[in-house]
Amino acid sequence: MTVSATQTFELDVSNVIRRGMQVAGLLEASQSPNASDEEMARDFVNLELDELQAEGHIQRKWVRTTQTLTASTASYTLDADVVDVYVGPDNIVGTIVPSSGAETPVHVMTRHEYVSESDKTSTGTPTRVYIERTAALKLIFWPIPPTSPGSFRYQKATIMYDAKPTSSTPDVDRKRAKALVWSVAYDMAVAKKMGLDRCGMLRSERDRLKTIAKMDDVERGNVQLYVER
């Protein structure tokens, strides 16, 4: 037996919808959804993508980046596609990267801590940052960056790309494709008023597949398990 030399299998949005409706029992293998059903299912795909991001398990959407700092400027509005900023162990958000010399860790501060800071005009190399979660995310540094402050290196999460009515593929890793198919199956089954037993089965399998994908979509590291004696 010869193993295939290709690794390119990927369902586009239309096929995710078609397979999902077939799994739900709404289409036969040779059938395709009509325009109205495909439009509804595509909305369900986009809602599922938003839900996945809200659950915080989409590693591919986290990207390393830098923010150029300006002297005497504390607040920086991030791009419109940024939905979150990573806060790591010890509440470290990122580091100040000077033009020369060592980097300085920057720790997150809460809104209460920022509001309670009595001297907001103090200048120096920033050691703390308040992530203001308004319509557009902002980074507000303390102390205020001085002359030639360098840049801020951190990680941001960008919003998922839309599932459009074309042959584009969903903005998820290949390992999530089956869970996405079953999510469409469940949503369409509920929308089409299929029986509770079948809807329950579809939901259960969808949840199982999502859990498997989530468990694998994590930062890799050295892990050792010990049996307590």
C-alpha atoms as a PDB file:
ATOM      1  CA  MET A   1       0.000   0.000   0.000  1.00  0.00           C
ATOM      2  CA  THR A   2       1.330   3.435  -0.965  1.00  0.00           C
ATOM      3  CA  VAL A   3       0.663   6.391   1.302  1.00  0.00           C
ATOM      4  CA  SER A   4      -0.507   9.586  -0.404  1.00  0.00           C
ATOM      5  CA  ALA A   5       2.191  12.199  -0.899  1.00  0.00           C
ATOM      6  CA  THR A   6      -0.215  15.135  -0.444  1.00  0.00           C
ATOM      7  CA  GLN A   7      -1.369  16.887   2.736  1.00  0.00           C
ATOM      8  CA  THR A   8      -3.746  19.437   1.280  1.00  0.00           C
ATOM      9  CA  PHE A   9      -7.210  18.153   2.237  1.00  0.00           C
ATOM     10  CA  GLU A  10      -9.283  21.068   3.481  1.00  0.00           C
ATOM     11  CA  LEU A  11     -13.005  21.744   3.350  1.00  0.00           C
ATOM     12  CA  ASP A  12     -14.018  25.151   2.089  1.00  0.00           C
ATOM     13  CA  VAL A  13     -16.959  26.978   3.661  1.00  0.00           C
ATOM     14  CA  SER A  14     -19.477  25.654   1.142  1.00  0.00           C
ATOM     15  CA  ASN A  15     -18.424  22.074   1.780  1.00  0.00           C
ATOM     16  CA  VAL A  16     -18.443  22.525   5.541  1.00  0.00           C
ATOM     17  CA  ILE A  17     -22.057  23.633   5.191  1.00  0.00           C
ATOM     18  CA  ARG A  18     -22.975  20.846   2.792  1.00  0.00           C
ATOM     19  CA  ARG A  19     -21.366  18.133   4.905  1.00  0.00           C
ATOM     20  CA  GLY A  20     -22.924  19.563   8.055  1.00  0.00           C
ATOM     21  CA  MET A  21     -26.403  19.429   6.575  1.00  0.00           C
ATOM     22  CA  GLN A  22     -25.759  15.898   5.347  1.00  0.00           C
ATOM     23  CA  VAL A  23     -24.676  14.821   8.829  1.00  0.00           C
ATOM     24  CA  ALA A  24     -27.834  16.385  10.211  1.00  0.00           C
ATOM     25  CA  GLY A  25     -29.912  14.324   7.789  1.00  0.00           C
ATOM     26  CA  LEU A  26     -31.161  17.353   5.891  1.00  0.00           C
ATOM     27  CA  LEU A  27     -29.454  16.439   2.585  1.00  0.00           C
ATOM     28  CA  GLU A  28     -28.589  13.284   0.712  1.00  0.00           C
ATOM     29  CA  ALA A  29     -24.993  12.680  -0.357  1.00  0.00           C
ATOM     30  CA  SER A  30     -25.676  13.888  -3.894  1.00  0.00           C
ATOM     31  CA  GLN A  31     -27.542  17.036  -2.823  1.00  0.00           C
ATOM     32  CA  SER A  32     -26.424  20.586  -2.069  1.00  0.00           C
ATOM     33  CA  PRO A  33     -28.211  23.225   0.050  1.00  0.00           C
ATOM     34  CA  ASN A  34     -30.376  25.859  -1.558  1.00  0.00           C
ATOM     35  CA  ALA A  35     -29.282  29.487  -1.417  1.00  0.00           C
ATOM     36  CA  SER A  36     -31.385  30.390   1.651  1.00  0.00           C
ATOM     37  CA  ASP A  37     -30.185  27.418   3.691  1.00  0.00           C
ATOM     38  CA  GLU A  38     -26.566  28.051   2.716  1.00  0.00           C
ATOM     39  CA  GLU A  39     -26.839  31.690   3.772  1.00  0.00           C
ATOM     40  CA  MET A  40     -28.313  30.693   7.139  1.00  0.00           C
ATOM     41  CA  ALA A  41     -25.677  28.001   7.671  1.00  0.00           C
ATOM     42  CA  ARG A  42     -22.891  30.442   6.770  1.00  0.00           C
ATOM     43  CA  ASP A  43     -24.130  32.767   9.514  1.00  0.00           C
ATOM     44  CA  PHE A  44     -23.961  29.805  11.904  1.00  0.00           C
ATOM     45  CA  VAL A  45     -20.349  29.179  10.816  1.00  0.00           C
ATOM     46  CA  ASN A  46     -19.428  32.796  11.561  1.00  0.00           C
ATOM     47  CA  LEU A  47     -21.166  32.642  14.942  1.00  0.00           C
ATOM     48  CA  GLU A  48     -19.246  29.454  15.741  1.00  0.00           C
ATOM     49  CA  LEU A  49     -15.944  31.102  14.798  1.00  0.00           C
ATOM     50  CA  ASP A  50     -16.757  34.013  17.111  1.00  0.00           C
ATOM     51  CA  GLU A  51     -17.628  31.577  19.905  1.00  0.00           C
ATOM     52  CA  LEU A  52     -14.363  29.685  19.467  1.00  0.00           C
ATOM     53  CA  GLN A  53     -12.423  32.916  19.797  1.00  0.00           C
ATOM     54  CA  ALA A  54     -14.433  33.949  22.857  1.00  0.00           C
ATOM     55  CA  GLU A  55     -13.460  30.638  24.446  1.00  0.00           C
ATOM     56  CA  GLY A  56      -9.832  31.648  23.932  1.00  0.00           C
ATOM     57  CA  HIS A  57      -8.493  28.486  22.317  1.00  0.00           C
ATOM     58  CA  ILE A  58      -7.429  29.631  18.855  1.00  0.00           C
ATOM     59  CA  GLN A  59      -3.635  29.638  19.049  1.00  0.00           C
ATOM     60  CA  ARG A  60      -3.205  30.589  15.395  1.00  0.00           C
ATOM     61  CA  LYS A  61      -4.787  33.988  16.027  1.00  0.00           C
ATOM     62  CA  TRP A  62      -2.135  34.968  18.579  1.00  0.00           C
ATOM     63  CA  VAL A  63       0.702  36.850  16.919  1.00  0.00           C
ATOM     64  CA  ARG A  64       3.875  38.448  18.246  1.00  0.00           C
ATOM     65  CA  THR A  65       4.150  42.129  17.443  1.00  0.00           C
ATOM     66  CA  THR A  66       5.685  45.419  18.559  1.00  0.00           C
ATOM     67  CA  GLN A  67       4.233  48.810  19.336  1.00  0.00           C
ATOM     68  CA  THR A  68       6.515  51.771  18.670  1.00  0.00           C
ATOM     69  CA  LEU A  69       6.539  54.078  21.684  1.00  0.00           C
ATOM     70  CA  THR A  70       6.537  57.852  21.470  1.00  0.00           C
ATOM     71  CA  ALA A  71       8.125  60.168  24.020  1.00  0.00           C
ATOM     72  CA  SER A  72       5.629  61.675  26.491  1.00  0.00           C
ATOM     73  CA  THR A  73       2.773  59.503  25.137  1.00  0.00           C
ATOM     74  CA  ALA A  74       1.150  57.050  27.551  1.00  0.00           C
ATOM     75  CA  SER A  75      -1.880  55.796  25.558  1.00  0.00           C
ATOM     76  CA  TYR A  76      -1.833  53.767  22.324  1.00  0.00           C
ATOM     77  CA  THR A  77      -4.955  52.626  20.449  1.00  0.00           C
ATOM     78  CA  LEU A  78      -4.486  49.213  18.857  1.00  0.00           C
ATOM     79  CA  ASP A  79      -5.649  48.223  15.381  1.00  0.00           C
ATOM     80  CA  ALA A  80      -9.357  47.532  14.923  1.00  0.00           C
ATOM     81  CA  ASP A  81      -8.770  43.805  14.301  1.00  0.00           C
ATOM     82  CA  VAL A  82      -7.130  43.293  17.728  1.00  0.00           C
ATOM     83  CA  VAL A  83      -9.520  41.645  20.202  1.00  0.00           C
ATOM     84  CA  ASP A  84      -7.198  40.741  23.074  1.00  0.00           C
ATOM     85  CA  VAL A  85      -3.705  41.128  24.506  1.00  0.00           C
ATOM     86  CA  TYR A  86      -1.895  38.183  26.048  1.00  0.00           C
ATOM     87  CA  VAL A  87      -1.115  38.297  29.764  1.00  0.00           C
ATOM     88  CA  GLY A  88       1.425  35.653  30.706  1.00  0.00           C
ATOM     89  CA  PRO A  89       2.801  34.163  33.933  1.00  0.00           C
ATOM     90  CA  ASP A  90       3.507  36.666  36.719  1.00  0.00           C
ATOM     91  CA  ASN A  91       1.104  39.033  34.921  1.00  0.00           C
ATOM     92  CA  ILE A  92       3.770  39.964  32.382  1.00  0.00           C
ATOM     93  CA  VAL A  93       2.243  41.490  29.243  1.00  0.00           C
ATOM     94  CA  GLY A  94       5.455  42.106  27.306  1.00  0.00           C
ATOM     95  CA  THR A  95       8.770  43.924  27.427  1.00  0.00           C
ATOM     96  CA  ILE A  96      10.113  47.372  26.648  1.00  0.00           C
ATOM     97  CA  VAL A  97      12.788  47.009  23.981  1.00  0.00           C
ATOM     98  CA  PRO A  98      15.222  49.955  24.117  1.00  0.00           C
ATOM     99  CA  SER A  99      17.521  50.977  21.286  1.00  0.00           C
ATOM    100  CA  SER A 100      20.316  49.362  23.283  1.00  0.00           C
ATOM    101  CA  GLY A 101      20.599  47.437  26.519  1.00  0.00           C
ATOM    102  CA  ALA A 102      18.409  44.918  28.316  1.00  0.00           C
ATOM    103  CA  GLU A 103      14.651  44.604  27.932  1.00  0.00           C
ATOM    104  CA  THR A 104      12.331  45.625  30.782  1.00  0.00           C
ATOM    105  CA  PRO A 105       9.342  43.401  31.706  1.00  0.00           C
ATOM    106  CA  VAL A 106       5.977  45.165  31.776  1.00  0.00           C
ATOM    107  CA  HIS A 107       3.288  43.897  34.150  1.00  0.00           C
ATOM    108  CA  VAL A 108      -0.445  44.333  33.702  1.00  0.00           C
ATOM    109  CA  MET A 109      -2.374  46.669  35.984  1.00  0.00           C
ATOM    110  CA  THR A 110      -6.105  46.668  36.641  1.00  0.00           C
ATOM    111  CA  ARG A 111      -8.406  49.609  36.031  1.00  0.00           C
ATOM    112  CA  HIS A 112      -8.621  50.177  39.780  1.00  0.00           C
ATOM    113  CA  GLU A 113      -4.838  50.222  40.092  1.00  0.00           C
ATOM    114  CA  TYR A 114      -4.497  52.678  37.219  1.00  0.00           C
ATOM    115  CA  VAL A 115      -7.217  54.986  38.502  1.00  0.00           C
ATOM    116  CA  SER A 116      -5.691  54.830  41.976  1.00  0.00           C
ATOM    117  CA  GLU A 117      -2.237  55.823  40.736  1.00  0.00           C
ATOM    118  CA  SER A 118      -1.776  59.332  42.157  1.00  0.00           C
ATOM    119  CA  ASP A 119       1.006  60.484  39.807  1.00  0.00           C
ATOM    120  CA  LYS A 120      -0.038  59.700  36.244  1.00  0.00           C
ATOM    121  CA  THR A 121       2.414  62.210  34.791  1.00  0.00           C
ATOM    122  CA  SER A 122       5.518  60.452  36.086  1.00  0.00           C
ATOM    123  CA  THR A 123       8.003  59.617  33.313  1.00  0.00           C
ATOM    124  CA  GLY A 124      10.457  56.771  32.950  1.00  0.00           C
ATOM    125  CA  THR A 125      10.773  53.348  31.382  1.00  0.00           C
ATOM    126  CA  PRO A 126       7.275  51.804  31.635  1.00  0.00           C
ATOM    127  CA  THR A 127       6.966  48.878  34.034  1.00  0.00           C
ATOM    128  CA  ARG A 128       3.180  48.539  34.047  1.00  0.00           C
ATOM    129  CA  VAL A 129       0.393  48.772  31.487  1.00  0.00           C
ATOM    130  CA  TYR A 130      -3.384  49.061  31.740  1.00  0.00           C
ATOM    131  CA  ILE A 131      -5.236  47.254  28.940  1.00  0.00           C
ATOM    132  CA  GLU A 132      -8.359  49.337  28.402  1.00  0.00           C
ATOM    133  CA  ARG A 133     -11.018  47.138  26.828  1.00  0.00           C
ATOM    134  CA  THR A 134     -13.292  49.598  25.076  1.00  0.00           C
ATOM    135  CA  ALA A 135     -14.591  49.486  21.488  1.00  0.00           C
ATOM    136  CA  ALA A 136     -10.942  49.715  20.447  1.00  0.00           C
ATOM    137  CA  LEU A 137      -8.342  48.224  22.774  1.00  0.00           C
ATOM    138  CA  LYS A 138      -5.835  50.639  24.275  1.00  0.00           C
ATOM    139  CA  LEU A 139      -2.505  50.201  26.012  1.00  0.00           C
ATOM    140  CA  ILE A 140      -1.913  52.825  28.703  1.00  0.00           C
ATOM    141  CA  PHE A 141       1.615  52.742  30.121  1.00  0.00           C
ATOM    142  CA  TRP A 142       2.943  53.834  33.477  1.00  0.00           C
ATOM    143  CA  PRO A 143       5.270  55.612  33.891  1.00  0.00           C
ATOM    144  CA  ILE A 144       4.956  57.609  30.681  1.00  0.00           C
ATOM    145  CA  PRO A 145       7.689  56.702  28.163  1.00  0.00           C
ATOM    146  CA  PRO A 146      10.593  59.185  28.163  1.00  0.00           C
ATOM    147  CA  THR A 147      12.702  60.466  25.283  1.00  0.00           C
ATOM    148  CA  SER A 148      13.712  57.680  22.827  1.00  0.00           C
ATOM    149  CA  PRO A 149      11.619  55.062  24.635  1.00  0.00           C
ATOM    150  CA  GLY A 150      12.060  52.266  22.069  1.00  0.00           C
ATOM    151  CA  SER A 151       9.206  49.821  21.479  1.00  0.00           C
ATOM    152  CA  PHE A 152       6.885  47.462  23.333  1.00  0.00           C
ATOM    153  CA  ARG A 153       7.018  43.765  22.371  1.00  0.00           C
ATOM    154  CA  TYR A 154       3.888  41.740  23.150  1.00  0.00           C
ATOM    155  CA  GLN A 155       1.350  39.245  21.792  1.00  0.00           C
ATOM    156  CA  LYS A 156      -2.065  40.154  20.423  1.00  0.00           C
ATOM    157  CA  ALA A 157      -5.077  38.182  19.258  1.00  0.00           C
ATOM    158  CA  THR A 158      -6.658  39.244  15.967  1.00  0.00           C
ATOM    159  CA  ILE A 159     -10.290  38.689  15.059  1.00  0.00           C
ATOM    160  CA  MET A 160     -11.292  35.651  13.015  1.00  0.00           C
ATOM    161  CA  TYR A 161     -11.758  36.139   9.277  1.00  0.00           C
ATOM    162  CA  ASP A 162     -15.341  35.889   8.029  1.00  0.00           C
ATOM    163  CA  ALA A 163     -16.766  32.829   6.315  1.00  0.00           C
ATOM    164  CA  LYS A 164     -17.748  34.368   2.983  1.00  0.00           C
ATOM    165  CA  PRO A 165     -19.985  33.008   0.185  1.00  0.00           C
ATOM    166  CA  THR A 166     -16.997  31.870  -1.858  1.00  0.00           C
ATOM    167  CA  SER A 167     -14.663  28.903  -1.962  1.00  0.00           C
ATOM    168  CA  SER A 168     -12.618  30.300   0.940  1.00  0.00           C
ATOM    169  CA  THR A 169     -11.696  28.023   3.842  1.00  0.00           C
ATOM    170  CA  PRO A 170     -12.748  28.722   7.448  1.00  0.00           C
ATOM    171  CA  ASP A 171     -10.177  30.539   9.580  1.00  0.00           C
ATOM    172  CA  VAL A 172      -9.398  27.521  11.769  1.00  0.00           C
ATOM    173  CA  ASP A 173      -6.824  24.761  11.798  1.00  0.00           C
ATOM    174  CA  ARG A 174      -7.555  21.579   9.890  1.00  0.00           C
ATOM    175  CA  LYS A 175      -7.992  19.648  13.138  1.00  0.00           C
ATOM    176  CA  ARG A 176     -11.135  21.685  13.871  1.00  0.00           C
ATOM    177  CA  ALA A 177     -12.870  20.899  10.576  1.00  0.00           C
ATOM    178  CA  LYS A 178     -14.905  17.953  11.854  1.00  0.00           C
ATOM    179  CA  ALA A 179     -16.071  19.871  14.927  1.00  0.00           C
ATOM    180  CA  LEU A 180     -17.100  22.745  12.661  1.00  0.00           C
ATOM    181  CA  VAL A 181     -19.075  20.361  10.417  1.00  0.00           C
ATOM    182  CA  TRP A 182     -20.925  18.951  13.426  1.00  0.00           C
ATOM    183  CA  SER A 183     -21.569  22.460  14.753  1.00  0.00           C
ATOM    184  CA  VAL A 184     -23.307  23.327  11.481  1.00  0.00           C
ATOM    185  CA  ALA A 185     -25.192  20.031  11.669  1.00  0.00           C
ATOM    186  CA  TYR A 186     -26.502  20.823  15.143  1.00  0.00           C
ATOM    187  CA  ASP A 187     -27.436  24.445  14.406  1.00  0.00           C
ATOM    188  CA  MET A 188     -29.233  23.549  11.194  1.00  0.00           C
ATOM    189  CA  ALA A 189     -31.041  20.639  12.847  1.00  0.00           C
ATOM    190  CA  VAL A 190     -32.364  22.979  15.546  1.00  0.00           C
ATOM    191  CA  ALA A 191     -33.297  25.624  12.958  1.00  0.00           C
ATOM    192  CA  LYS A 192     -35.154  23.005  10.894  1.00  0.00           C
ATOM    193  CA  LYS A 193     -37.025  21.726  13.963  1.00  0.00           C
ATOM    194  CA  MET A 194     -35.670  18.197  13.820  1.00  0.00           C
ATOM    195  CA  GLY A 195     -36.414  15.833  16.708  1.00  0.00           C
ATOM    196  CA  LEU A 196     -34.974  16.462  20.153  1.00  0.00           C
ATOM    197  CA  ASP A 197     -33.221  13.092  20.203  1.00  0.00           C
ATOM    198  CA  ARG A 198     -31.324  13.798  16.996  1.00  0.00           C
ATOM    199  CA  CYS A 199     -30.515  17.378  18.031  1.00  0.00           C
ATOM    200  CA  GLY A 200     -29.241  16.075  21.359  1.00  0.00           C
ATOM    201  CA  MET A 201     -27.041  13.508  19.647  1.00  0.00           C
ATOM    202  CA  LEU A 202     -25.598  16.133  17.294  1.00  0.00           C
ATOM    203  CA  ARG A 203     -24.907  18.494  20.169  1.00  0.00           C
ATOM    204  CA  SER A 204     -23.204  15.795  22.213  1.00  0.00           C
ATOM    205  CA  GLU A 205     -20.886  14.803  19.366  1.00  0.00           C
ATOM    206  CA  ARG A 206     -20.196  18.437  18.513  1.00  0.00           C
ATOM    207  CA  ASP A 207     -19.160  19.115  22.100  1.00  0.00           C
ATOM    208  CA  ARG A 208     -16.934  16.024  22.157  1.00  0.00           C
ATOM    209  CA  LEU A 209     -15.128  17.047  18.977  1.00  0.00           C
ATOM    210  CA  LYS A 210     -14.707  20.645  20.169  1.00  0.00           C
ATOM    211  CA  THR A 211     -13.203  19.422  23.430  1.00  0.00           C
ATOM    212  CA  ILE A 212     -10.679  17.237  21.593  1.00  0.00           C
ATOM    213  CA  ALA A 213      -9.614  20.177  19.397  1.00  0.00           C
ATOM    214  CA  LYS A 214      -9.362  22.550  22.383  1.00  0.00           C
ATOM    215  CA  MET A 215      -7.182  20.140  24.333  1.00  0.00           C
ATOM    216  CA  ASP A 216      -4.701  20.053  21.461  1.00  0.00           C
ATOM    217  CA  ASP A 217      -4.765  23.790  20.757  1.00  0.00           C
ATOM    218  CA  VAL A 218      -2.428  24.787  23.573  1.00  0.00           C
ATOM    219  CA  GLU A 219       1.070  26.104  23.992  1.00  0.00           C
ATOM    220  CA  ARG A 220       3.519  23.216  23.954  1.00  0.00           C
ATOM    221  CA  GLY A 221       5.986  22.722  26.789  1.00  0.00           C
ATOM    222  CA  ASN A 222       7.709  20.172  28.935  1.00  0.00           C
ATOM    223  CA  VAL A 223       5.164  18.321  31.043  1.00  0.00           C
ATOM    224  CA  GLN A 224       5.900  15.608  33.574  1.00  0.00           C
ATOM    225  CA  LEU A 225       3.264  13.770  35.573  1.00  0.00           C
ATOM    226  CA  TYR A 226       4.103  12.207  38.931  1.00  0.00           C
ATOM    227  CA  VAL A 227       2.096   9.734  40.978  1.00  0.00           C
ATOM    228  CA  GLU A 228       1.757  11.001  44.510  1.00  0.00           C
ATOM    229  CA  ARG A 229       3.125   8.498  47.032  1.00  0.00           C
END
